[in-house]
Amino acid sequence: MVERRSTWGMMAHAVMILGMLIVAFPLYLAFVASTHTAQEIVQAPMPMLPGSHFWDNYVAALSGHGGGAGSNAPVGRMMWVSLVTALVIAFGKIAVSLLSAFALVYFRFPFRNFFFWAIFVTLMLPVEVRILPTYKVVSDLGLLNSYTGLTIPLIASATATFLFRQFFLTVPEELVEAARIDGAGPMRFFWDILLPLSKTSIAALFVIQFIYGWNQYLWPLLATTSEDMYPVVVGIKRMIAGGDSGNEWNIVMATAIMAMLPPAIVVILMQRWFVKGLVDTEK
């Protein structure tokens, strides 16, 4: 029995290692490409070991000194736009969802269930479905090429509202009664009791929403026409133009590697909270 378990364990680890290698190999190729010159990358076969142009390529990408046929906007500026956008979307979604769920669970008002289901039904309406009317509204308000236009249309979240609502329903009624007896008003109960209890859920949702905001492509592609407001995901696409000979793939790959770092850092730093928020039942 012990041998069978050991064999299955070894097979499981082998499959896991194989999957990791399959996922990591393209990332390794992108890193290798970011350390060579554009001419070395397009030759056959492509070099499989890192080159000696690491600093040159990354400095050129950050400062926008590439010479490709596509956009040469500074990657440092694009990453700043992506960072601001991702943080505003993450914190905005969490704040709006917390207050919405709080109102739906702890306040009694007419058509409360109707409003909940109206919010829930929007899960079937992704950004792609409402992209044209959203763009028309943002354009009429003069919010194109602005942080407001990039973030406000993406802040509402039915998923986060639903998750917080389900969590609030598990909070013991005794806590509500105790707060009421102590003279705590609704907002004090929200700040002093619900928020501390929700910190693991907030952390898990922050990771998810930060990555969601960082990886946005379609909406920023429509809402930005100025290079100063390109998020890094859109910037990578703008850097690619024409055939292989017209692009500096070393700069493009360096940009792609840098674009992956902030989400990876957020996941690594908040991994414990992220897992606890998703699987811990004793919140």
C-alpha atoms as a PDB file:
ATOM      1  CA  MET A   1       0.000   0.000   0.000  1.00  0.00           C
ATOM      2  CA  VAL A   2       2.856   2.330   0.860  1.00  0.00           C
ATOM      3  CA  GLU A   3       4.582   1.480  -2.430  1.00  0.00           C
ATOM      4  CA  ARG A   4       1.407   2.209  -4.419  1.00  0.00           C
ATOM      5  CA  ARG A   5       1.050   5.583  -2.741  1.00  0.00           C
ATOM      6  CA  SER A   6       4.723   6.337  -3.386  1.00  0.00           C
ATOM      7  CA  THR A   7       4.355   5.399  -7.057  1.00  0.00           C
ATOM      8  CA  TRP A   8       1.268   7.543  -7.525  1.00  0.00           C
ATOM      9  CA  GLY A   9       2.988  10.375  -5.710  1.00  0.00           C
ATOM     10  CA  MET A  10       5.998  10.176  -8.009  1.00  0.00           C
ATOM     11  CA  MET A  11       3.732  10.114 -11.068  1.00  0.00           C
ATOM     12  CA  ALA A  12       1.806  13.124  -9.819  1.00  0.00           C
ATOM     13  CA  HIS A  13       5.030  15.048  -9.250  1.00  0.00           C
ATOM     14  CA  ALA A  14       6.310  14.040 -12.690  1.00  0.00           C
ATOM     15  CA  VAL A  15       3.123  15.303 -14.353  1.00  0.00           C
ATOM     16  CA  MET A  16       3.321  18.536 -12.327  1.00  0.00           C
ATOM     17  CA  ILE A  17       6.965  19.089 -13.319  1.00  0.00           C
ATOM     18  CA  LEU A  18       6.152  18.380 -16.968  1.00  0.00           C
ATOM     19  CA  GLY A  19       3.287  20.875 -16.895  1.00  0.00           C
ATOM     20  CA  MET A  20       5.529  23.479 -15.246  1.00  0.00           C
ATOM     21  CA  LEU A  21       8.169  23.017 -17.947  1.00  0.00           C
ATOM     22  CA  ILE A  22       5.574  23.357 -20.712  1.00  0.00           C
ATOM     23  CA  VAL A  23       4.315  26.616 -19.187  1.00  0.00           C
ATOM     24  CA  ALA A  24       7.765  27.981 -18.321  1.00  0.00           C
ATOM     25  CA  PHE A  25       9.506  27.263 -21.644  1.00  0.00           C
ATOM     26  CA  PRO A  26       7.808  30.094 -23.621  1.00  0.00           C
ATOM     27  CA  LEU A  27       8.625  32.471 -20.772  1.00  0.00           C
ATOM     28  CA  TYR A  28      12.239  31.357 -20.901  1.00  0.00           C
ATOM     29  CA  LEU A  29      12.334  31.952 -24.666  1.00  0.00           C
ATOM     30  CA  ALA A  30      10.887  35.439 -24.159  1.00  0.00           C
ATOM     31  CA  PHE A  31      13.572  36.200 -21.573  1.00  0.00           C
ATOM     32  CA  VAL A  32      16.331  34.869 -23.846  1.00  0.00           C
ATOM     33  CA  ALA A  33      15.002  36.976 -26.726  1.00  0.00           C
ATOM     34  CA  SER A  34      15.044  40.048 -24.508  1.00  0.00           C
ATOM     35  CA  THR A  35      18.820  39.680 -24.008  1.00  0.00           C
ATOM     36  CA  HIS A  36      19.846  39.517 -27.682  1.00  0.00           C
ATOM     37  CA  THR A  37      19.843  41.956 -30.584  1.00  0.00           C
ATOM     38  CA  ALA A  38      16.969  41.979 -33.068  1.00  0.00           C
ATOM     39  CA  GLN A  39      19.204  40.454 -35.746  1.00  0.00           C
ATOM     40  CA  GLU A  40      20.227  37.543 -33.525  1.00  0.00           C
ATOM     41  CA  ILE A  41      16.614  36.700 -32.697  1.00  0.00           C
ATOM     42  CA  VAL A  42      15.361  36.385 -36.283  1.00  0.00           C
ATOM     43  CA  GLN A  43      18.216  34.173 -37.403  1.00  0.00           C
ATOM     44  CA  ALA A  44      17.690  30.398 -37.559  1.00  0.00           C
ATOM     45  CA  PRO A  45      18.093  28.717 -35.200  1.00  0.00           C
ATOM     46  CA  MET A  46      17.246  31.231 -32.500  1.00  0.00           C
ATOM     47  CA  PRO A  47      19.778  31.375 -29.615  1.00  0.00           C
ATOM     48  CA  MET A  48      18.691  29.297 -26.634  1.00  0.00           C
ATOM     49  CA  LEU A  49      20.997  30.899 -24.068  1.00  0.00           C
ATOM     50  CA  PRO A  50      20.842  34.465 -22.687  1.00  0.00           C
ATOM     51  CA  GLY A  51      22.882  37.062 -24.530  1.00  0.00           C
ATOM     52  CA  SER A  52      24.891  40.089 -23.478  1.00  0.00           C
ATOM     53  CA  HIS A  53      22.405  42.870 -24.278  1.00  0.00           C
ATOM     54  CA  PHE A  54      20.183  42.535 -21.215  1.00  0.00           C
ATOM     55  CA  TRP A  55      20.667  46.037 -19.816  1.00  0.00           C
ATOM     56  CA  ASP A  56      20.728  47.725 -23.217  1.00  0.00           C
ATOM     57  CA  ASN A  57      17.378  46.224 -24.249  1.00  0.00           C
ATOM     58  CA  TYR A  58      15.589  46.867 -20.969  1.00  0.00           C
ATOM     59  CA  VAL A  59      16.854  50.448 -20.708  1.00  0.00           C
ATOM     60  CA  ALA A  60      15.806  51.075 -24.322  1.00  0.00           C
ATOM     61  CA  ALA A  61      12.350  49.660 -23.598  1.00  0.00           C
ATOM     62  CA  LEU A  62      11.856  51.673 -20.407  1.00  0.00           C
ATOM     63  CA  SER A  63      12.983  54.926 -22.017  1.00  0.00           C
ATOM     64  CA  GLY A  64      11.259  54.378 -25.375  1.00  0.00           C
ATOM     65  CA  HIS A  65      14.463  54.478 -27.440  1.00  0.00           C
ATOM     66  CA  GLY A  66      13.631  51.478 -29.584  1.00  0.00           C
ATOM     67  CA  GLY A  67      13.837  51.844 -33.341  1.00  0.00           C
ATOM     68  CA  GLY A  68      11.044  49.521 -34.453  1.00  0.00           C
ATOM     69  CA  ALA A  69       8.338  50.350 -36.969  1.00  0.00           C
ATOM     70  CA  GLY A  70       5.639  50.318 -34.278  1.00  0.00           C
ATOM     71  CA  SER A  71       5.121  52.484 -31.220  1.00  0.00           C
ATOM     72  CA  ASN A  72       8.204  53.556 -29.292  1.00  0.00           C
ATOM     73  CA  ALA A  73       6.371  54.891 -26.246  1.00  0.00           C
ATOM     74  CA  PRO A  74       8.352  54.563 -22.996  1.00  0.00           C
ATOM     75  CA  VAL A  75       7.471  51.311 -21.254  1.00  0.00           C
ATOM     76  CA  GLY A  76       8.013  52.976 -17.885  1.00  0.00           C
ATOM     77  CA  ARG A  77       5.114  55.324 -18.627  1.00  0.00           C
ATOM     78  CA  MET A  78       2.938  52.460 -19.905  1.00  0.00           C
ATOM     79  CA  MET A  79       3.580  50.416 -16.770  1.00  0.00           C
ATOM     80  CA  TRP A  80       2.650  53.412 -14.618  1.00  0.00           C
ATOM     81  CA  VAL A  81      -0.650  53.750 -16.494  1.00  0.00           C
ATOM     82  CA  SER A  82      -1.294  50.020 -16.047  1.00  0.00           C
ATOM     83  CA  LEU A  83      -0.442  50.193 -12.342  1.00  0.00           C
ATOM     84  CA  VAL A  84      -2.766  53.125 -11.669  1.00  0.00           C
ATOM     85  CA  THR A  85      -5.535  51.517 -13.712  1.00  0.00           C
ATOM     86  CA  ALA A  86      -5.199  48.140 -11.990  1.00  0.00           C
ATOM     87  CA  LEU A  87      -5.128  49.652  -8.479  1.00  0.00           C
ATOM     88  CA  VAL A  88      -8.120  51.936  -9.093  1.00  0.00           C
ATOM     89  CA  ILE A  89     -10.124  49.060 -10.597  1.00  0.00           C
ATOM     90  CA  ALA A  90      -9.197  46.670  -7.769  1.00  0.00           C
ATOM     91  CA  PHE A  91      -9.924  49.074  -4.906  1.00  0.00           C
ATOM     92  CA  GLY A  92     -12.971  50.510  -6.675  1.00  0.00           C
ATOM     93  CA  LYS A  93     -14.508  47.103  -7.284  1.00  0.00           C
ATOM     94  CA  ILE A  94     -13.906  46.040  -3.693  1.00  0.00           C
ATOM     95  CA  ALA A  95     -15.321  49.273  -2.219  1.00  0.00           C
ATOM     96  CA  VAL A  96     -18.443  49.296  -4.400  1.00  0.00           C
ATOM     97  CA  SER A  97     -19.043  45.574  -3.894  1.00  0.00           C
ATOM     98  CA  LEU A  98     -18.628  45.763  -0.115  1.00  0.00           C
ATOM     99  CA  LEU A  99     -21.135  48.583   0.206  1.00  0.00           C
ATOM    100  CA  SER A 100     -23.576  46.956  -2.226  1.00  0.00           C
ATOM    101  CA  ALA A 101     -23.463  43.627  -0.406  1.00  0.00           C
ATOM    102  CA  PHE A 102     -23.781  45.388   2.960  1.00  0.00           C
ATOM    103  CA  ALA A 103     -26.924  47.186   1.793  1.00  0.00           C
ATOM    104  CA  LEU A 104     -28.430  44.023   0.288  1.00  0.00           C
ATOM    105  CA  VAL A 105     -27.922  41.941   3.432  1.00  0.00           C
ATOM    106  CA  TYR A 106     -28.446  44.335   6.351  1.00  0.00           C
ATOM    107  CA  PHE A 107     -30.955  46.876   5.075  1.00  0.00           C
ATOM    108  CA  ARG A 108     -34.638  46.251   4.453  1.00  0.00           C
ATOM    109  CA  PHE A 109     -35.964  48.249   1.510  1.00  0.00           C
ATOM    110  CA  PRO A 110     -38.529  47.618  -1.247  1.00  0.00           C
ATOM    111  CA  PHE A 111     -37.501  45.368  -4.140  1.00  0.00           C
ATOM    112  CA  ARG A 112     -34.304  44.337  -2.377  1.00  0.00           C
ATOM    113  CA  ASN A 113     -34.240  40.911  -4.029  1.00  0.00           C
ATOM    114  CA  PHE A 114     -35.052  42.464  -7.384  1.00  0.00           C
ATOM    115  CA  PHE A 115     -31.999  44.716  -7.161  1.00  0.00           C
ATOM    116  CA  PHE A 116     -29.827  41.779  -6.151  1.00  0.00           C
ATOM    117  CA  TRP A 117     -30.930  39.737  -9.148  1.00  0.00           C
ATOM    118  CA  ALA A 118     -30.575  42.779 -11.400  1.00  0.00           C
ATOM    119  CA  ILE A 119     -26.931  43.008 -10.270  1.00  0.00           C
ATOM    120  CA  PHE A 120     -26.451  39.257 -10.620  1.00  0.00           C
ATOM    121  CA  VAL A 121     -27.861  39.170 -14.169  1.00  0.00           C
ATOM    122  CA  THR A 122     -25.110  41.558 -15.298  1.00  0.00           C
ATOM    123  CA  LEU A 123     -22.740  38.585 -15.025  1.00  0.00           C
ATOM    124  CA  MET A 124     -24.172  37.596 -18.402  1.00  0.00           C
ATOM    125  CA  LEU A 125     -23.234  40.988 -19.878  1.00  0.00           C
ATOM    126  CA  PRO A 126     -19.430  41.173 -20.194  1.00  0.00           C
ATOM    127  CA  VAL A 127     -17.602  44.274 -21.338  1.00  0.00           C
ATOM    128  CA  GLU A 128     -17.637  43.066 -24.955  1.00  0.00           C
ATOM    129  CA  VAL A 129     -21.461  43.097 -25.055  1.00  0.00           C
ATOM    130  CA  ARG A 130     -21.823  46.679 -23.811  1.00  0.00           C
ATOM    131  CA  ILE A 131     -18.638  48.034 -25.346  1.00  0.00           C
ATOM    132  CA  LEU A 132     -20.281  50.343 -27.907  1.00  0.00           C
ATOM    133  CA  PRO A 133     -22.766  52.135 -25.587  1.00  0.00           C
ATOM    134  CA  THR A 134     -20.052  52.401 -22.938  1.00  0.00           C
ATOM    135  CA  TYR A 135     -17.674  53.963 -25.434  1.00  0.00           C
ATOM    136  CA  LYS A 136     -20.397  56.397 -26.573  1.00  0.00           C
ATOM    137  CA  VAL A 137     -21.029  57.550 -22.995  1.00  0.00           C
ATOM    138  CA  VAL A 138     -17.319  57.925 -22.195  1.00  0.00           C
ATOM    139  CA  SER A 139     -16.710  59.770 -25.466  1.00  0.00           C
ATOM    140  CA  ASP A 140     -19.636  62.163 -24.935  1.00  0.00           C
ATOM    141  CA  LEU A 141     -18.347  62.956 -21.438  1.00  0.00           C
ATOM    142  CA  GLY A 142     -14.883  63.729 -22.812  1.00  0.00           C
ATOM    143  CA  LEU A 143     -13.204  60.978 -20.776  1.00  0.00           C
ATOM    144  CA  LEU A 144     -11.171  59.362 -23.538  1.00  0.00           C
ATOM    145  CA  ASN A 145      -7.403  59.233 -22.894  1.00  0.00           C
ATOM    146  CA  SER A 146      -7.912  59.674 -19.162  1.00  0.00           C
ATOM    147  CA  TYR A 147      -7.607  57.509 -16.070  1.00  0.00           C
ATOM    148  CA  THR A 148     -11.279  58.126 -15.352  1.00  0.00           C
ATOM    149  CA  GLY A 149     -12.304  56.763 -18.730  1.00  0.00           C
ATOM    150  CA  LEU A 150     -10.031  53.751 -18.321  1.00  0.00           C
ATOM    151  CA  THR A 151     -11.283  52.762 -14.875  1.00  0.00           C
ATOM    152  CA  ILE A 152     -14.848  53.925 -14.128  1.00  0.00           C
ATOM    153  CA  PRO A 153     -16.585  51.676 -16.718  1.00  0.00           C
ATOM    154  CA  LEU A 154     -14.809  48.626 -15.240  1.00  0.00           C
ATOM    155  CA  ILE A 155     -15.370  49.255 -11.525  1.00  0.00           C
ATOM    156  CA  ALA A 156     -18.800  47.656 -11.001  1.00  0.00           C
ATOM    157  CA  SER A 157     -18.523  43.939 -10.251  1.00  0.00           C
ATOM    158  CA  ALA A 158     -21.462  41.573  -9.847  1.00  0.00           C
ATOM    159  CA  THR A 159     -19.115  38.705  -8.954  1.00  0.00           C
ATOM    160  CA  ALA A 160     -17.524  40.527  -6.018  1.00  0.00           C
ATOM    161  CA  THR A 161     -20.936  41.749  -4.823  1.00  0.00           C
ATOM    162  CA  PHE A 162     -22.258  38.199  -4.890  1.00  0.00           C
ATOM    163  CA  LEU A 163     -19.238  36.814  -3.005  1.00  0.00           C
ATOM    164  CA  PHE A 164     -19.422  39.464  -0.276  1.00  0.00           C
ATOM    165  CA  ARG A 165     -23.179  38.997   0.028  1.00  0.00           C
ATOM    166  CA  GLN A 166     -22.765  35.268   0.528  1.00  0.00           C
ATOM    167  CA  PHE A 167     -20.092  35.870   3.142  1.00  0.00           C
ATOM    168  CA  PHE A 168     -22.153  38.452   5.026  1.00  0.00           C
ATOM    169  CA  LEU A 169     -25.028  35.971   5.189  1.00  0.00           C
ATOM    170  CA  THR A 170     -22.758  33.634   7.202  1.00  0.00           C
ATOM    171  CA  VAL A 171     -21.994  36.283   9.849  1.00  0.00           C
ATOM    172  CA  PRO A 172     -23.802  35.252  13.059  1.00  0.00           C
ATOM    173  CA  GLU A 173     -26.899  37.270  13.865  1.00  0.00           C
ATOM    174  CA  GLU A 174     -25.625  37.553  17.435  1.00  0.00           C
ATOM    175  CA  LEU A 175     -22.925  39.962  16.267  1.00  0.00           C
ATOM    176  CA  VAL A 176     -25.558  42.226  14.769  1.00  0.00           C
ATOM    177  CA  GLU A 177     -27.615  42.117  17.978  1.00  0.00           C
ATOM    178  CA  ALA A 178     -24.541  42.783  20.138  1.00  0.00           C
ATOM    179  CA  ALA A 179     -23.572  45.777  18.013  1.00  0.00           C
ATOM    180  CA  ARG A 180     -27.119  47.113  18.203  1.00  0.00           C
ATOM    181  CA  ILE A 181     -27.166  46.730  21.996  1.00  0.00           C
ATOM    182  CA  ASP A 182     -23.814  48.578  22.246  1.00  0.00           C
ATOM    183  CA  GLY A 183     -25.353  51.460  20.324  1.00  0.00           C
ATOM    184  CA  ALA A 184     -23.290  50.952  17.159  1.00  0.00           C
ATOM    185  CA  GLY A 185     -24.831  52.408  14.033  1.00  0.00           C
ATOM    186  CA  PRO A 186     -24.801  50.695  10.644  1.00  0.00           C
ATOM    187  CA  MET A 187     -21.523  52.216   9.469  1.00  0.00           C
ATOM    188  CA  ARG A 188     -19.729  51.531  12.739  1.00  0.00           C
ATOM    189  CA  PHE A 189     -20.884  47.906  12.531  1.00  0.00           C
ATOM    190  CA  PHE A 190     -19.587  47.857   8.959  1.00  0.00           C
ATOM    191  CA  TRP A 191     -16.164  49.334   9.814  1.00  0.00           C
ATOM    192  CA  ASP A 192     -15.509  47.667  13.166  1.00  0.00           C
ATOM    193  CA  ILE A 193     -16.990  44.203  12.597  1.00  0.00           C
ATOM    194  CA  LEU A 194     -17.664  43.332   8.970  1.00  0.00           C
ATOM    195  CA  LEU A 195     -14.468  44.733   7.453  1.00  0.00           C
ATOM    196  CA  PRO A 196     -12.091  42.900   9.859  1.00  0.00           C
ATOM    197  CA  LEU A 197     -14.024  39.680   9.271  1.00  0.00           C
ATOM    198  CA  SER A 198     -13.803  40.196   5.499  1.00  0.00           C
ATOM    199  CA  LYS A 199     -10.075  40.875   5.258  1.00  0.00           C
ATOM    200  CA  THR A 200      -9.175  37.472   3.772  1.00  0.00           C
ATOM    201  CA  SER A 201     -11.938  37.730   1.173  1.00  0.00           C
ATOM    202  CA  ILE A 202     -10.824  41.276   0.375  1.00  0.00           C
ATOM    203  CA  ALA A 203      -7.223  40.112  -0.086  1.00  0.00           C
ATOM    204  CA  ALA A 204      -8.252  37.269  -2.413  1.00  0.00           C
ATOM    205  CA  LEU A 205     -10.453  39.566  -4.473  1.00  0.00           C
ATOM    206  CA  PHE A 206      -7.733  42.206  -4.628  1.00  0.00           C
ATOM    207  CA  VAL A 207      -5.344  39.747  -6.272  1.00  0.00           C
ATOM    208  CA  ILE A 208      -7.983  38.664  -8.792  1.00  0.00           C
ATOM    209  CA  GLN A 209      -9.130  42.194  -9.600  1.00  0.00           C
ATOM    210  CA  PHE A 210      -5.594  43.589  -9.826  1.00  0.00           C
ATOM    211  CA  ILE A 211      -4.679  40.988 -12.426  1.00  0.00           C
ATOM    212  CA  TYR A 212      -8.004  41.648 -14.186  1.00  0.00           C
ATOM    213  CA  GLY A 213      -7.275  45.376 -14.350  1.00  0.00           C
ATOM    214  CA  TRP A 214      -3.634  44.906 -15.354  1.00  0.00           C
ATOM    215  CA  ASN A 215      -4.514  42.552 -18.241  1.00  0.00           C
ATOM    216  CA  GLN A 216      -7.284  44.720 -19.710  1.00  0.00           C
ATOM    217  CA  TYR A 217      -6.861  45.006 -23.475  1.00  0.00           C
ATOM    218  CA  LEU A 218     -10.101  45.576 -25.384  1.00  0.00           C
ATOM    219  CA  TRP A 219     -11.431  48.549 -23.420  1.00  0.00           C
ATOM    220  CA  PRO A 220      -8.094  50.447 -23.217  1.00  0.00           C
ATOM    221  CA  LEU A 221      -7.599  49.751 -26.926  1.00  0.00           C
ATOM    222  CA  LEU A 222     -10.765  51.762 -27.634  1.00  0.00           C
ATOM    223  CA  ALA A 223     -10.506  54.328 -24.852  1.00  0.00           C
ATOM    224  CA  THR A 224      -6.916  55.444 -25.563  1.00  0.00           C
ATOM    225  CA  THR A 225      -5.514  56.999 -28.704  1.00  0.00           C
ATOM    226  CA  SER A 226      -2.566  58.837 -27.174  1.00  0.00           C
ATOM    227  CA  GLU A 227       0.729  57.055 -26.482  1.00  0.00           C
ATOM    228  CA  ASP A 228       0.879  58.751 -23.079  1.00  0.00           C
ATOM    229  CA  MET A 229      -2.166  56.742 -21.942  1.00  0.00           C
ATOM    230  CA  TYR A 230      -1.312  53.313 -23.354  1.00  0.00           C
ATOM    231  CA  PRO A 231      -1.418  50.542 -20.729  1.00  0.00           C
ATOM    232  CA  VAL A 232       1.463  48.133 -21.155  1.00  0.00           C
ATOM    233  CA  VAL A 233      -0.730  45.364 -22.649  1.00  0.00           C
ATOM    234  CA  VAL A 234      -1.930  47.719 -25.385  1.00  0.00           C
ATOM    235  CA  GLY A 235       1.582  49.108 -25.727  1.00  0.00           C
ATOM    236  CA  ILE A 236       2.974  45.667 -26.589  1.00  0.00           C
ATOM    237  CA  LYS A 237       0.458  45.355 -29.415  1.00  0.00           C
ATOM    238  CA  ARG A 238       1.250  48.864 -30.666  1.00  0.00           C
ATOM    239  CA  MET A 239       4.952  48.015 -30.739  1.00  0.00           C
ATOM    240  CA  ILE A 240       4.339  45.245 -33.294  1.00  0.00           C
ATOM    241  CA  ALA A 241       3.912  46.532 -36.843  1.00  0.00           C
ATOM    242  CA  GLY A 242       4.773  45.097 -40.241  1.00  0.00           C
ATOM    243  CA  GLY A 243       6.836  41.972 -40.761  1.00  0.00           C
ATOM    244  CA  ASP A 244       9.500  40.438 -38.565  1.00  0.00           C
ATOM    245  CA  SER A 245      12.218  42.639 -40.013  1.00  0.00           C
ATOM    246  CA  GLY A 246      10.296  45.791 -39.086  1.00  0.00           C
ATOM    247  CA  ASN A 247      10.018  44.961 -35.387  1.00  0.00           C
ATOM    248  CA  GLU A 248      12.622  45.013 -32.670  1.00  0.00           C
ATOM    249  CA  TRP A 249      11.595  41.752 -31.047  1.00  0.00           C
ATOM    250  CA  ASN A 250      14.218  42.087 -28.360  1.00  0.00           C
ATOM    251  CA  ILE A 251      12.521  45.285 -27.138  1.00  0.00           C
ATOM    252  CA  VAL A 252       9.067  43.716 -27.470  1.00  0.00           C
ATOM    253  CA  MET A 253      10.135  40.676 -25.439  1.00  0.00           C
ATOM    254  CA  ALA A 254      11.769  42.872 -22.796  1.00  0.00           C
ATOM    255  CA  THR A 255       8.491  44.775 -22.514  1.00  0.00           C
ATOM    256  CA  ALA A 256       6.557  41.516 -22.192  1.00  0.00           C
ATOM    257  CA  ILE A 257       8.835  40.298 -19.410  1.00  0.00           C
ATOM    258  CA  MET A 258       8.464  43.567 -17.496  1.00  0.00           C
ATOM    259  CA  ALA A 259       4.689  43.486 -18.010  1.00  0.00           C
ATOM    260  CA  MET A 260       4.539  40.117 -16.240  1.00  0.00           C
ATOM    261  CA  LEU A 261       6.452  41.224 -13.163  1.00  0.00           C
ATOM    262  CA  PRO A 262       3.874  43.351 -11.222  1.00  0.00           C
ATOM    263  CA  PRO A 263       1.072  40.704 -11.307  1.00  0.00           C
ATOM    264  CA  ALA A 264       3.602  38.026 -10.366  1.00  0.00           C
ATOM    265  CA  ILE A 265       4.865  40.128  -7.441  1.00  0.00           C
ATOM    266  CA  VAL A 266       1.314  40.743  -6.205  1.00  0.00           C
ATOM    267  CA  VAL A 267       0.508  37.012  -6.340  1.00  0.00           C
ATOM    268  CA  ILE A 268       3.754  36.059  -4.564  1.00  0.00           C
ATOM    269  CA  LEU A 269       3.399  38.668  -1.799  1.00  0.00           C
ATOM    270  CA  MET A 270      -0.287  37.931  -1.183  1.00  0.00           C
ATOM    271  CA  GLN A 271      -0.267  34.201  -1.854  1.00  0.00           C
ATOM    272  CA  ARG A 272      -1.021  33.213   1.738  1.00  0.00           C
ATOM    273  CA  TRP A 273      -3.941  35.648   1.994  1.00  0.00           C
ATOM    274  CA  PHE A 274      -5.172  34.699  -1.464  1.00  0.00           C
ATOM    275  CA  VAL A 275      -5.353  30.982  -0.678  1.00  0.00           C
ATOM    276  CA  LYS A 276      -6.823  31.600   2.761  1.00  0.00           C
ATOM    277  CA  GLY A 277      -9.505  33.858   1.327  1.00  0.00           C
ATOM    278  CA  LEU A 278     -10.559  31.220  -1.187  1.00  0.00           C
ATOM    279  CA  VAL A 279     -10.467  28.037   0.905  1.00  0.00           C
ATOM    280  CA  ASP A 280     -10.561  29.006   4.571  1.00  0.00           C
ATOM    281  CA  THR A 281     -13.982  28.344   6.050  1.00  0.00           C
ATOM    282  CA  GLU A 282     -13.204  29.839   9.474  1.00  0.00           C
ATOM    283  CA  LYS A 283     -13.264  33.496   8.512  1.00  0.00           C
END
